Protein backbone atom coordinates (compact mmCIF):
# COMPACT_ATOMS: atom_id res chain seq x y z
CA MET A 1 -180.08 64.05 -56.94
CA PRO A 2 -182.98 61.28 -56.35
CA ALA A 3 -181.24 58.77 -58.59
CA ILE A 4 -178.34 58.51 -56.07
CA PHE A 5 -180.77 58.23 -53.41
CA PHE A 6 -182.59 55.22 -54.80
CA ALA A 7 -179.29 53.84 -56.25
CA LEU A 8 -177.98 53.67 -52.39
CA ILE A 9 -181.24 51.94 -51.48
CA SER A 10 -180.53 49.22 -53.78
CA PHE A 11 -176.94 49.10 -52.64
CA LEU A 12 -178.26 48.45 -49.02
CA GLY A 13 -181.26 46.39 -49.98
CA TRP A 14 -179.20 43.91 -52.01
CA GLY A 15 -176.25 43.78 -49.92
CA ILE A 16 -178.26 43.44 -46.66
CA GLY A 17 -180.56 41.02 -48.25
CA ASP A 18 -177.85 38.67 -49.59
CA ILE A 19 -176.98 38.28 -45.76
CA PHE A 20 -180.70 36.83 -45.23
CA GLY A 21 -180.24 34.84 -48.39
CA THR A 22 -176.98 33.27 -47.04
CA VAL A 23 -178.84 32.33 -43.98
CA ALA A 24 -181.57 30.66 -45.99
CA THR A 25 -178.99 28.92 -48.30
CA ARG A 26 -177.17 27.47 -45.28
CA LYS A 27 -180.62 25.92 -44.56
CA ILE A 28 -181.92 24.76 -47.57
CA GLY A 29 -179.80 25.22 -50.32
CA ALA A 30 -179.27 27.67 -53.20
CA TYR A 31 -181.79 26.70 -55.74
CA SER A 32 -184.59 26.13 -53.37
CA THR A 33 -183.79 29.55 -51.76
CA THR A 34 -183.85 31.14 -55.18
CA PHE A 35 -187.25 29.56 -56.02
CA TRP A 36 -188.81 30.37 -52.75
CA TYR A 37 -187.73 34.05 -52.54
CA ILE A 38 -188.87 34.47 -56.08
CA LEU A 39 -192.32 32.97 -55.30
CA LEU A 40 -192.76 34.85 -52.21
CA GLN A 41 -191.83 38.17 -54.01
CA VAL A 42 -195.10 37.60 -55.84
CA PRO A 43 -197.61 38.27 -53.18
CA ILE A 44 -195.35 40.55 -51.25
CA PHE A 45 -195.33 43.19 -53.97
CA ALA A 46 -198.79 42.55 -55.10
CA ILE A 47 -199.55 45.06 -52.64
CA GLY A 48 -198.49 47.72 -55.11
CA ILE A 49 -200.73 46.45 -58.19
CA PRO A 50 -203.72 48.65 -57.13
CA PHE A 51 -201.63 52.03 -57.18
CA PHE A 52 -200.19 51.34 -60.42
CA THR A 53 -202.92 50.05 -62.65
CA GLY A 54 -203.15 53.34 -64.59
CA HIS A 55 -199.80 52.67 -66.11
CA LEU A 56 -200.93 49.53 -67.89
CA GLN A 57 -202.75 51.69 -70.63
CA ASN A 58 -199.19 52.08 -71.95
CA LEU A 59 -198.52 48.31 -72.19
CA THR A 60 -198.13 46.90 -75.67
CA LEU A 61 -197.51 43.44 -76.95
CA GLU A 62 -193.78 44.53 -77.93
CA ILE A 63 -193.12 45.88 -74.50
CA LEU A 64 -194.68 42.76 -72.66
CA ILE A 65 -192.39 40.48 -74.92
CA LEU A 66 -189.30 42.43 -74.27
CA ASN A 67 -190.09 42.95 -70.37
CA THR A 68 -190.83 38.99 -70.09
CA THR A 69 -187.69 38.29 -72.25
CA LEU A 70 -185.38 40.52 -69.92
CA GLY A 71 -186.95 38.70 -67.12
CA LEU A 72 -185.85 35.26 -68.40
CA ILE A 73 -182.50 36.70 -69.21
CA GLY A 74 -182.31 37.79 -65.50
CA THR A 75 -183.16 34.14 -64.52
CA ILE A 76 -180.30 32.74 -66.66
CA GLY A 77 -178.05 34.78 -64.79
CA LEU A 78 -179.21 33.57 -61.55
CA VAL A 79 -179.04 29.94 -62.84
CA ALA A 80 -175.36 30.68 -64.27
CA PHE A 81 -174.40 32.27 -61.13
CA TYR A 82 -175.24 29.37 -58.73
CA GLU A 83 -174.02 26.69 -61.22
CA GLY A 84 -170.48 28.84 -61.10
CA LEU A 85 -170.53 28.87 -57.24
CA LYS A 86 -170.90 25.24 -57.27
CA VAL A 87 -168.06 24.23 -59.95
CA GLY A 88 -165.58 27.19 -59.64
CA ASN A 89 -163.81 29.62 -57.30
CA ALA A 90 -166.72 31.47 -55.35
CA ALA A 91 -164.85 34.70 -54.87
CA LEU A 92 -163.87 34.62 -58.54
CA VAL A 93 -167.31 33.93 -59.94
CA GLY A 94 -168.94 36.72 -57.64
CA THR A 95 -166.57 39.11 -58.74
CA ILE A 96 -167.05 38.60 -62.40
CA ALA A 97 -170.98 38.44 -61.78
CA ALA A 98 -170.89 41.71 -59.92
CA SER A 99 -168.89 43.22 -62.95
CA PHE A 100 -172.41 43.51 -64.84
CA ALA A 101 -172.65 47.10 -63.77
CA ALA A 102 -169.67 47.78 -66.13
CA LEU A 103 -171.66 46.00 -68.82
CA THR A 104 -174.84 47.97 -68.05
CA VAL A 105 -172.77 51.25 -68.16
CA LEU A 106 -171.18 50.41 -71.45
CA LEU A 107 -174.76 49.23 -73.03
CA SER A 108 -176.64 52.51 -71.67
CA ILE A 109 -173.99 54.70 -73.36
CA ILE A 110 -174.04 52.79 -76.74
CA PHE A 111 -177.52 52.03 -77.23
CA LEU A 112 -179.38 54.33 -74.85
CA GLY A 113 -177.70 57.53 -75.65
CA GLU A 114 -176.50 58.16 -72.06
CA SER A 115 -173.00 60.01 -71.27
CA VAL A 116 -171.00 60.36 -68.33
CA SER A 117 -168.28 63.19 -67.59
CA LEU A 118 -164.63 62.47 -67.18
CA GLN A 119 -164.92 63.09 -63.54
CA GLN A 120 -167.82 60.62 -63.24
CA SER A 121 -165.95 58.13 -65.34
CA MET A 122 -162.96 58.42 -63.05
CA ALA A 123 -165.31 57.67 -60.08
CA ILE A 124 -166.90 54.74 -61.84
CA VAL A 125 -163.37 53.11 -62.15
CA ILE A 126 -162.58 53.86 -58.68
CA ILE A 127 -165.80 51.89 -57.62
CA PHE A 128 -164.86 48.86 -59.75
CA ILE A 129 -161.29 48.68 -58.59
CA GLY A 130 -162.64 49.04 -54.88
CA LEU A 131 -165.06 46.18 -55.88
CA ILE A 132 -162.64 43.88 -57.22
CA GLY A 133 -160.49 44.51 -54.16
CA SER A 134 -163.16 43.78 -51.71
CA THR A 135 -164.48 40.67 -53.22
CA LEU A 136 -161.48 38.89 -54.80
CA ASP A 137 -158.63 37.29 -52.88
CA ILE A 138 -155.93 38.37 -55.27
CA LYS A 139 -152.89 36.54 -53.58
CA SER A 140 -154.74 33.24 -53.27
CA LEU A 141 -155.70 33.37 -57.02
CA ILE A 142 -152.03 34.07 -58.07
CA SER A 143 -150.91 31.31 -55.90
CA ARG A 144 -153.25 28.91 -57.45
CA LYS A 145 -152.25 29.69 -60.92
CA LEU A 146 -155.79 30.42 -62.16
CA ILE A 147 -157.16 28.15 -64.85
CA VAL A 148 -160.08 29.21 -66.73
CA ASP A 149 -162.85 26.61 -65.88
CA LYS A 150 -166.65 26.31 -66.16
CA GLY A 151 -167.15 28.39 -63.15
CA ILE A 152 -165.35 31.50 -64.70
CA TRP A 153 -167.58 30.89 -67.77
CA MET A 154 -170.74 30.85 -65.67
CA GLY A 155 -169.67 33.71 -63.79
CA ALA A 156 -169.55 35.52 -67.14
CA VAL A 157 -172.74 34.42 -68.38
CA ALA A 158 -174.44 35.89 -65.16
CA MET A 159 -172.33 39.03 -65.81
CA LEU A 160 -173.61 39.23 -69.26
CA SER A 161 -177.33 38.49 -68.32
CA TRP A 162 -177.60 40.85 -65.58
CA GLY A 163 -175.57 43.58 -67.67
CA ILE A 164 -178.19 43.25 -70.46
CA TYR A 165 -181.15 42.96 -68.16
CA TRP A 166 -180.17 46.11 -66.06
CA ALA A 167 -179.25 48.28 -69.36
CA PHE A 168 -182.54 47.67 -71.17
CA ILE A 169 -185.12 47.45 -68.59
CA LYS A 170 -185.24 51.01 -68.92
CA ILE A 171 -187.24 50.94 -72.15
CA PRO A 172 -190.31 49.22 -70.45
CA ILE A 173 -189.63 51.60 -67.42
CA LYS A 174 -190.15 54.60 -69.66
CA GLU A 175 -193.52 53.17 -70.78
CA LEU A 176 -194.83 51.56 -67.54
CA GLY A 177 -193.20 53.44 -64.70
CA TRP A 178 -190.66 51.71 -61.94
CA PHE A 179 -193.11 49.46 -60.75
CA TRP A 180 -194.57 47.17 -63.74
CA PRO A 181 -191.17 46.23 -65.18
CA GLY A 182 -190.01 44.63 -62.04
CA TYR A 183 -193.09 42.88 -61.22
CA ILE A 184 -193.49 41.42 -64.81
CA SER A 185 -189.81 40.31 -64.47
CA ILE A 186 -190.72 38.39 -61.31
CA LEU A 187 -193.39 36.69 -62.95
CA ALA A 188 -191.29 35.77 -65.68
CA SER A 189 -188.61 34.50 -63.54
CA LEU A 190 -190.69 32.16 -61.55
CA PRO A 191 -191.44 29.58 -64.38
CA GLY A 192 -188.21 29.86 -65.67
CA ILE A 193 -186.42 28.87 -62.34
CA TRP A 194 -189.15 26.19 -61.60
CA LEU A 195 -188.39 24.49 -65.15
CA PHE A 196 -184.55 24.64 -64.69
CA ILE A 197 -185.09 22.81 -61.03
CA LYS A 198 -187.27 20.20 -62.87
CA LEU A 199 -185.04 19.60 -65.66
CA ARG A 200 -182.20 19.34 -63.38
CA GLU A 201 -183.99 16.92 -61.21
CA ILE A 202 -182.94 19.11 -58.21
CA LYS A 203 -184.87 18.28 -54.84
CA LEU A 204 -187.02 21.39 -53.82
CA THR A 205 -186.81 21.79 -50.07
CA LYS A 206 -190.26 22.73 -48.57
CA LEU A 207 -190.89 25.92 -46.45
CA ASN A 208 -190.15 25.73 -42.87
CA PHE A 209 -191.68 28.20 -40.63
CA LYS A 210 -189.25 27.15 -37.90
CA GLY A 211 -186.06 27.85 -39.88
CA SER A 212 -186.03 28.84 -43.18
CA PHE A 213 -189.19 30.95 -44.02
CA TYR A 214 -188.25 34.16 -41.98
CA PRO A 215 -184.80 34.56 -43.64
CA LEU A 216 -186.31 33.79 -46.98
CA PHE A 217 -189.03 36.17 -46.41
CA ALA A 218 -186.45 39.13 -45.57
CA ASN A 219 -184.38 38.18 -48.48
CA ALA A 220 -187.35 38.35 -50.69
CA LEU A 221 -188.66 41.71 -49.37
CA LEU A 222 -184.85 43.26 -49.47
CA LEU A 223 -183.99 42.02 -52.92
CA GLY A 224 -187.26 43.15 -54.22
CA VAL A 225 -187.02 46.45 -52.56
CA GLY A 226 -183.68 46.91 -54.18
CA ALA A 227 -184.67 45.92 -57.59
CA LEU A 228 -187.87 48.36 -57.59
CA SER A 229 -185.56 51.03 -56.22
CA PHE A 230 -182.98 50.39 -59.15
CA ASN A 231 -186.03 50.86 -61.37
CA LEU A 232 -187.09 54.11 -59.75
CA ALA A 233 -183.52 55.36 -59.73
CA ILE A 234 -182.92 54.80 -63.55
CA GLU A 235 -186.43 56.32 -64.21
CA LYS A 236 -185.14 59.52 -62.64
CA GLY A 237 -181.47 59.49 -63.80
CA PHE A 238 -178.84 57.82 -65.87
CA THR A 239 -178.49 53.97 -65.65
CA SER A 240 -174.85 54.65 -66.05
CA ILE A 241 -174.53 56.43 -63.02
CA VAL A 242 -176.98 54.10 -60.97
CA ALA A 243 -175.61 50.74 -62.07
CA PRO A 244 -171.95 51.33 -60.45
CA ILE A 245 -173.54 52.58 -57.25
CA ALA A 246 -176.01 49.83 -56.94
CA GLY A 247 -173.76 47.19 -58.56
CA SER A 248 -171.28 47.71 -55.67
CA TYR A 249 -173.77 45.90 -53.17
CA PRO A 250 -171.06 42.87 -52.61
CA THR A 251 -168.92 45.25 -50.57
CA ILE A 252 -171.68 45.82 -48.00
CA PHE A 253 -172.05 42.04 -48.01
CA VAL A 254 -168.39 41.31 -47.23
CA LEU A 255 -168.43 43.75 -44.39
CA LEU A 256 -171.74 42.36 -42.99
CA ALA A 257 -170.74 38.93 -43.38
CA TYR A 258 -167.48 39.69 -41.23
CA LEU A 259 -169.55 41.21 -38.74
CA ILE A 260 -172.39 38.65 -38.52
CA PHE A 261 -170.93 35.22 -39.31
CA ARG A 262 -167.36 36.06 -38.74
CA ASP A 263 -166.28 35.23 -42.27
CA PRO A 264 -162.49 36.04 -42.53
CA ILE A 265 -161.77 39.47 -43.84
CA THR A 266 -158.39 40.46 -45.31
CA ARG A 267 -156.50 43.98 -45.26
CA GLN A 268 -157.12 43.89 -48.99
CA GLN A 269 -160.79 43.60 -48.64
CA ILE A 270 -161.10 46.28 -46.02
CA ALA A 271 -159.18 48.56 -48.37
CA GLY A 272 -161.35 47.77 -51.44
CA ILE A 273 -164.52 48.52 -49.24
CA ILE A 274 -163.13 51.86 -48.57
CA ILE A 275 -161.95 52.52 -52.02
CA THR A 276 -165.40 51.51 -53.28
CA LEU A 277 -167.23 53.81 -50.83
CA PHE A 278 -164.96 56.55 -51.80
CA GLY A 279 -165.69 56.17 -55.13
CA ILE A 280 -169.51 56.34 -54.61
CA VAL A 281 -169.09 59.40 -52.53
CA MET A 282 -167.18 61.08 -55.62
CA LEU A 283 -169.64 59.67 -58.29
CA SER A 284 -172.39 61.25 -56.01
CA VAL A 285 -170.87 64.61 -55.81
CA PHE A 286 -170.00 64.62 -59.26
CA SER A 287 -173.60 63.74 -60.46
CA ILE A 288 -175.32 66.51 -58.52
């Protein structure tokens, strides 16, 4: 099934892309990384414009407004995510934000008329169980007697924003194809993140070709490929099937972070990764 194939590309693109994003973040900070990778995506993916100009004949003012609004909503998710990482438990914030796929599935079923079989539903549940296990240190969380703080709320905002974006971006995709909705979202995100940086008076670190440029470029390319591949996947299949697979990218990030950065990994996380991959395989089989 083509949708599964492109969902797996998103899974890999986002997971590997975040590794390069981590390298850049450790050099210039999260907000500078976010701004520069979005800016770099503008020329990188502009190469596709000549091949998709014909699709613009279906662009209406309503679709443009919806697409732009969704792009800004996605940017709100980015800002909330990084704010949450600053003030809260990083593992918990990341897990909550990564749960956007569950909301995307729910919204797609309710508002877009999609449906999933019992077997697919079971596979989706397995994926989310594995995702939680691979990204969240449950023992540490219990021992700290978790208190709901700003970080958790920011994670919830990111989850809500990304869940809405990935559910309803299918509407512009039906009219414009898979390329333009993603590119319009990039163009909408750039002024949004720039305005936030200015309002918060955050110092924007300049690009450094000796240090941060190359990981930023790889981050921008891979995250962009992941997003466009997601668009292509939901053009060919149900969002409710694509989202759980692509949204499981934190599992590949956890594994690569251990292999590359030697970040500690627990038996629970290893089990979570295995469970997630098993769920992805099962969902793929049940979706053929």
